[in-house]
C-alpha atoms as a PDB file:
ATOM      1  CA  MET A   1     -22.122 -31.672  11.082  1.00  0.00           C
ATOM      2  CA  PRO A   2     -24.411 -29.761  13.456  1.00  0.00           C
ATOM      3  CA  ALA A   3     -26.233 -26.734  12.127  1.00  0.00           C
ATOM      4  CA  LYS A   4     -25.111 -23.323  13.276  1.00  0.00           C
ATOM      5  CA  PRO A   5     -27.419 -21.763  15.834  1.00  0.00           C
ATOM      6  CA  ARG A   6     -29.605 -19.013  14.431  1.00  0.00           C
ATOM      7  CA  PRO A   7     -28.570 -15.579  15.577  1.00  0.00           C
ATOM      8  CA  LEU A   8     -30.994 -13.795  17.836  1.00  0.00           C
ATOM      9  CA  ALA A   9     -33.305 -11.348  16.138  1.00  0.00           C
ATOM     10  CA  ALA A  10     -32.430  -7.699  16.479  1.00  0.00           C
ATOM     11  CA  SER A  11     -34.662  -6.082  19.033  1.00  0.00           C
ATOM     12  CA  THR A  12     -33.086  -2.731  19.812  1.00  0.00           C
ATOM     13  CA  PRO A  13     -31.969   0.183  17.666  1.00  0.00           C
ATOM     14  CA  ALA A  14     -28.379  -0.599  18.667  1.00  0.00           C
ATOM     15  CA  ASP A  15     -28.797  -4.163  17.384  1.00  0.00           C
ATOM     16  CA  TRP A  16     -30.123  -2.878  14.065  1.00  0.00           C
ATOM     17  CA  LYS A  17     -27.279  -0.369  13.822  1.00  0.00           C
ATOM     18  CA  ALA A  18     -24.728  -3.146  14.416  1.00  0.00           C
ATOM     19  CA  ILE A  19     -26.377  -5.286  11.724  1.00  0.00           C
ATOM     20  CA  GLU A  20     -26.362  -2.355   9.313  1.00  0.00           C
ATOM     21  CA  GLN A  21     -22.678  -1.648   9.988  1.00  0.00           C
ATOM     22  CA  ALA A  22     -21.756  -5.311   9.521  1.00  0.00           C
ATOM     23  CA  ALA A  23     -23.719  -5.475   6.257  1.00  0.00           C
ATOM     24  CA  THR A  24     -22.079  -2.268   5.012  1.00  0.00           C
ATOM     25  CA  ALA A  25     -18.619  -3.628   5.824  1.00  0.00           C
ATOM     26  CA  GLU A  26     -19.390  -6.934   4.087  1.00  0.00           C
ATOM     27  CA  LEU A  27     -20.666  -5.128   0.991  1.00  0.00           C
ATOM     28  CA  ALA A  28     -17.529  -2.976   0.861  1.00  0.00           C
ATOM     29  CA  LYS A  29     -15.344  -6.078   1.199  1.00  0.00           C
ATOM     30  CA  ARG A  30     -17.175  -7.920  -1.578  1.00  0.00           C
ATOM     31  CA  THR A  31     -17.123  -4.848  -3.822  1.00  0.00           C
ATOM     32  CA  GLN A  32     -13.360  -4.484  -3.401  1.00  0.00           C
ATOM     33  CA  LEU A  33     -12.815  -8.186  -4.111  1.00  0.00           C
ATOM     34  CA  ALA A  34     -14.973  -8.021  -7.254  1.00  0.00           C
ATOM     35  CA  HIS A  35     -13.067  -4.936  -8.411  1.00  0.00           C
ATOM     36  CA  GLN A  36      -9.740  -6.718  -7.946  1.00  0.00           C
ATOM     37  CA  GLN A  37     -10.999  -9.736  -9.882  1.00  0.00           C
ATOM     38  CA  ILE A  38     -12.281  -7.593 -12.761  1.00  0.00           C
ATOM     39  CA  VAL A  39      -9.036  -5.627 -12.971  1.00  0.00           C
ATOM     40  CA  GLY A  40      -7.128  -8.911 -12.982  1.00  0.00           C
ATOM     41  CA  LEU A  41      -9.255 -10.332 -15.783  1.00  0.00           C
ATOM     42  CA  LEU A  42      -8.907  -7.177 -17.853  1.00  0.00           C
ATOM     43  CA  SER A  43      -5.159  -7.111 -17.264  1.00  0.00           C
ATOM     44  CA  THR A  44      -4.867 -10.714 -18.387  1.00  0.00           C
ATOM     45  CA  HIS A  45      -7.415 -10.842 -21.203  1.00  0.00           C
ATOM     46  CA  GLY A  46      -8.104  -7.209 -22.120  1.00  0.00           C
ATOM     47  CA  HIS A  47      -5.983  -7.447 -25.246  1.00  0.00           C
ATOM     48  CA  LEU A  48      -8.549  -9.884 -26.654  1.00  0.00           C
ATOM     49  CA  LEU A  49     -11.322  -7.259 -26.662  1.00  0.00           C
ATOM     50  CA  SER A  50     -12.223  -5.519 -29.887  1.00  0.00           C
ATOM     51  CA  ASP A  51     -12.051  -1.731 -30.162  1.00  0.00           C
ATOM     52  CA  ALA A  52     -15.854  -1.564 -29.967  1.00  0.00           C
ATOM     53  CA  GLN A  53     -15.865  -3.689 -26.810  1.00  0.00           C
ATOM     54  CA  ARG A  54     -13.223  -1.465 -25.215  1.00  0.00           C
ATOM     55  CA  ARG A  55     -15.214   1.673 -26.034  1.00  0.00           C
ATOM     56  CA  ALA A  56     -18.407   0.147 -24.637  1.00  0.00           C
ATOM     57  CA  LEU A  57     -16.599  -0.952 -21.494  1.00  0.00           C
ATOM     58  CA  GLY A  58     -15.094   2.502 -21.069  1.00  0.00           C
ATOM     59  CA  LYS A  59     -18.545   4.102 -21.369  1.00  0.00           C
ATOM     60  CA  ARG A  60     -20.010   1.722 -18.791  1.00  0.00           C
ATOM     61  CA  LEU A  61     -17.186   2.402 -16.369  1.00  0.00           C
ATOM     62  CA  GLN A  62     -17.644   6.158 -16.748  1.00  0.00           C
ATOM     63  CA  ARG A  63     -21.396   5.868 -16.137  1.00  0.00           C
ATOM     64  CA  SER A  64     -20.889   3.733 -13.040  1.00  0.00           C
ATOM     65  CA  GLY A  65     -18.488   6.284 -11.567  1.00  0.00           C
ATOM     66  CA  LYS A  66     -21.176   8.968 -11.271  1.00  0.00           C
END
C-alpha cells in the first residue's frame, strides 16, 4: 500500500489558522467520544463501584468542571 503524501508545511498565517481550527475540531470530537464512552461504562458498570469510589469519582468530576 503506498504511503500517503506528506501534507505541505504551513507557511502563512491563514494556513496556521486552518491547522489550529482543524486541531480544535478534532479535539472536541475526541473529547465528546470519550465522554460518551465513559458515561456508557458508568451506566453499565457503575453499580459495581463502592460508595468510596463513587464519592471519589464525584469529587474528580466536580474538580474537572471548573
